[in-house]
Amino acid sequence: MLQVDVEIVSIAKDIPDATLLTAWAQAAYQDTVIADVAIRIVDEIEAAAINEQYRHKAYAPNVLSFPMQIPSDLELESRPLGDVVICAPVVQREALEQKKALTAHWAHMVVHGLLHLQGYDHEEATDADEMENLECQVLAACGFANPYVETE
């Protein structure tokens, strides 16, 4: 079970509500251990500042994930999984540019961020294939098409 704390500080319109964001995050959670995650929806200034501070890159990305590092011998009622930061204006712009349904792109960003928190990445081709396949499975279970197929 995944407990999700959603904080929406962006002024952008058409942001999915906390119920949808939570459902997509829970669908992406691959473990049976009770865990906690925070999802923060921000605007470009905050996303760029976070990206600069932690990744030394000067732009606002669509999604950032910060896995929680806790000692394995620490006994907790639930495991803090980490934080996901999603930049609303970037997600909206990408959906428009890529001709994707906005809700589907939001779901993809939540799923993508949650998989990163669970150790998946896309730095190597084989890892990228594994992560993309899992994203597609989770999104299909949520009723969304493959986000990697180009639409016309």
Protein backbone atom coordinates (compact mmCIF):
# COMPACT_ATOMS: atom_id res chain seq x y z
CA MET A 1 0.00 0.00 0.00
CA LEU A 2 1.23 3.47 -0.88
CA GLN A 3 0.19 6.52 1.09
CA VAL A 4 0.44 9.66 -1.05
CA ASP A 5 0.71 13.27 0.09
CA VAL A 6 -0.11 15.66 -2.77
CA GLU A 7 0.76 19.33 -2.67
CA ILE A 8 -0.26 21.53 -5.59
CA VAL A 9 1.46 24.92 -5.53
CA SER A 10 1.35 25.60 -9.27
CA ILE A 11 -0.98 28.27 -10.61
CA ALA A 12 -1.41 26.33 -13.88
CA LYS A 13 -4.88 25.24 -14.90
CA ASP A 14 -5.99 21.70 -15.81
CA ILE A 15 -3.92 19.93 -13.14
CA PRO A 16 -5.40 16.56 -12.17
CA ASP A 17 -6.78 16.50 -8.68
CA ALA A 18 -5.12 14.73 -5.75
CA THR A 19 -7.40 11.69 -6.14
CA LEU A 20 -6.16 11.00 -9.69
CA LEU A 21 -2.52 11.72 -8.87
CA THR A 22 -2.77 9.34 -5.91
CA ALA A 23 -4.40 6.58 -7.97
CA TRP A 24 -1.68 6.73 -10.63
CA ALA A 25 1.05 6.70 -7.97
CA GLN A 26 -0.52 3.70 -6.25
CA ALA A 27 -0.80 1.86 -9.57
CA ALA A 28 2.94 2.37 -10.14
CA TYR A 29 3.95 1.12 -6.70
CA GLN A 30 5.56 -2.31 -7.13
CA ASP A 31 5.96 -3.44 -3.51
CA THR A 32 3.74 -4.76 -0.73
CA VAL A 33 5.47 -2.83 2.07
CA ILE A 34 3.50 0.16 3.31
CA ALA A 35 5.25 3.27 1.99
CA ASP A 36 4.82 7.03 1.86
CA VAL A 37 5.48 9.37 -1.05
CA ALA A 38 5.09 13.10 -1.54
CA ILE A 39 4.07 14.54 -4.91
CA ARG A 40 4.54 18.29 -5.34
CA ILE A 41 3.16 20.06 -8.41
CA VAL A 42 5.13 23.23 -9.12
CA ASP A 43 5.67 25.97 -11.70
CA GLU A 44 8.79 26.47 -13.83
CA ILE A 45 10.69 28.78 -11.47
CA GLU A 46 10.61 26.26 -8.62
CA ALA A 47 11.31 23.27 -10.90
CA ALA A 48 14.31 25.04 -12.45
CA ALA A 49 15.66 26.03 -9.03
CA ILE A 50 15.37 22.45 -7.74
CA ASN A 51 16.94 21.07 -10.90
CA GLU A 52 19.84 23.54 -10.61
CA GLN A 53 20.38 22.82 -6.92
CA TYR A 54 20.31 19.01 -7.12
CA ARG A 55 21.28 18.17 -10.71
CA HIS A 56 23.24 21.31 -11.69
CA LYS A 57 21.08 21.77 -14.77
CA ALA A 58 19.56 25.17 -15.54
CA TYR A 59 16.08 24.38 -16.84
CA ALA A 60 12.70 23.22 -15.61
CA PRO A 61 12.25 19.48 -16.28
CA ASN A 62 8.90 17.71 -16.46
CA VAL A 63 9.52 15.46 -13.44
CA LEU A 64 12.16 15.04 -10.75
CA SER A 65 12.39 12.14 -8.32
CA PHE A 66 14.21 12.11 -5.01
CA PRO A 67 14.39 8.61 -3.47
CA MET A 68 14.59 8.50 0.31
CA GLN A 69 17.75 6.88 1.62
CA ILE A 70 17.12 5.27 5.00
CA PRO A 71 19.14 2.67 6.90
CA SER A 72 17.78 -0.85 6.31
CA ASP A 73 17.88 -1.65 10.04
CA LEU A 74 15.67 1.31 10.95
CA GLU A 75 12.24 0.05 12.00
CA LEU A 76 9.38 2.25 10.82
CA GLU A 77 5.62 1.75 10.51
CA SER A 78 5.86 2.73 6.86
CA ARG A 79 8.80 3.24 4.54
CA PRO A 80 9.38 6.78 3.22
CA LEU A 81 9.76 6.19 -0.52
CA GLY A 82 10.75 9.75 -1.47
CA ASP A 83 9.49 12.82 -3.29
CA VAL A 84 8.32 13.48 -6.83
CA VAL A 85 8.26 17.04 -8.18
CA ILE A 86 6.27 17.65 -11.36
CA CYS A 87 6.35 20.92 -13.29
CA ALA A 88 2.80 21.62 -14.49
CA PRO A 89 3.62 24.09 -17.30
CA VAL A 90 6.24 21.74 -18.77
CA VAL A 91 3.87 18.77 -18.67
CA GLN A 92 1.17 20.84 -20.36
CA ARG A 93 3.54 22.15 -23.04
CA GLU A 94 4.91 18.65 -23.77
CA ALA A 95 1.42 17.18 -24.09
CA LEU A 96 0.52 19.87 -26.62
CA GLU A 97 3.80 19.56 -28.58
CA GLN A 98 3.64 15.75 -28.61
CA LYS A 99 -0.10 15.74 -29.43
CA LYS A 100 -0.89 13.65 -26.35
CA ALA A 101 -3.95 13.81 -24.17
CA LEU A 102 -3.07 15.99 -21.18
CA THR A 103 -4.46 13.54 -18.62
CA ALA A 104 -2.48 10.68 -20.16
CA HIS A 105 0.74 12.71 -20.03
CA TRP A 106 0.10 13.60 -16.38
CA ALA A 107 -0.41 9.93 -15.57
CA HIS A 108 2.82 9.07 -17.39
CA MET A 109 4.81 11.65 -15.39
CA VAL A 110 3.45 10.33 -12.08
CA VAL A 111 4.18 6.71 -13.03
CA HIS A 112 7.64 7.65 -14.36
CA GLY A 113 8.50 9.49 -11.15
CA LEU A 114 7.28 6.66 -8.93
CA LEU A 115 9.30 4.07 -10.84
CA HIS A 116 12.43 6.19 -10.38
CA LEU A 117 11.79 6.20 -6.62
CA GLN A 118 11.73 2.40 -6.75
CA GLY A 119 15.14 2.18 -8.41
CA TYR A 120 14.23 2.05 -12.09
CA ASP A 121 16.16 4.25 -14.50
CA HIS A 122 16.77 4.80 -18.19
CA GLU A 123 20.49 5.54 -18.34
CA GLU A 124 21.37 2.27 -20.12
CA ALA A 125 19.36 0.88 -23.05
CA THR A 126 18.40 -2.35 -21.27
CA ASP A 127 17.32 -0.42 -18.16
CA ALA A 128 15.35 2.01 -20.33
CA ASP A 129 13.56 -0.87 -22.05
CA GLU A 130 12.66 -2.42 -18.69
CA MET A 131 11.40 0.88 -17.29
CA GLU A 132 9.43 1.78 -20.42
CA ASN A 133 7.79 -1.66 -20.53
CA LEU A 134 6.75 -1.33 -16.91
CA GLU A 135 5.45 2.20 -17.51
CA CYS A 136 3.36 0.89 -20.41
CA GLN A 137 1.94 -1.93 -18.28
CA VAL A 138 1.00 0.40 -15.42
CA LEU A 139 -0.47 3.00 -17.76
CA ALA A 140 -2.47 0.33 -19.63
CA ALA A 141 -3.88 -0.84 -16.30
CA CYS A 142 -4.95 2.77 -15.71
CA GLY A 143 -6.60 2.93 -19.14
CA PHE A 144 -3.93 4.83 -21.05
CA ALA A 145 -2.16 4.02 -24.32
CA ASN A 146 1.57 3.49 -24.76
CA PRO A 147 3.16 6.95 -24.24
CA TYR A 148 6.11 6.07 -26.46
CA VAL A 149 4.05 5.60 -29.61
CA GLU A 150 3.99 8.80 -31.64
CA THR A 151 0.57 10.18 -32.46
CA GLU A 152 -0.31 12.16 -35.55
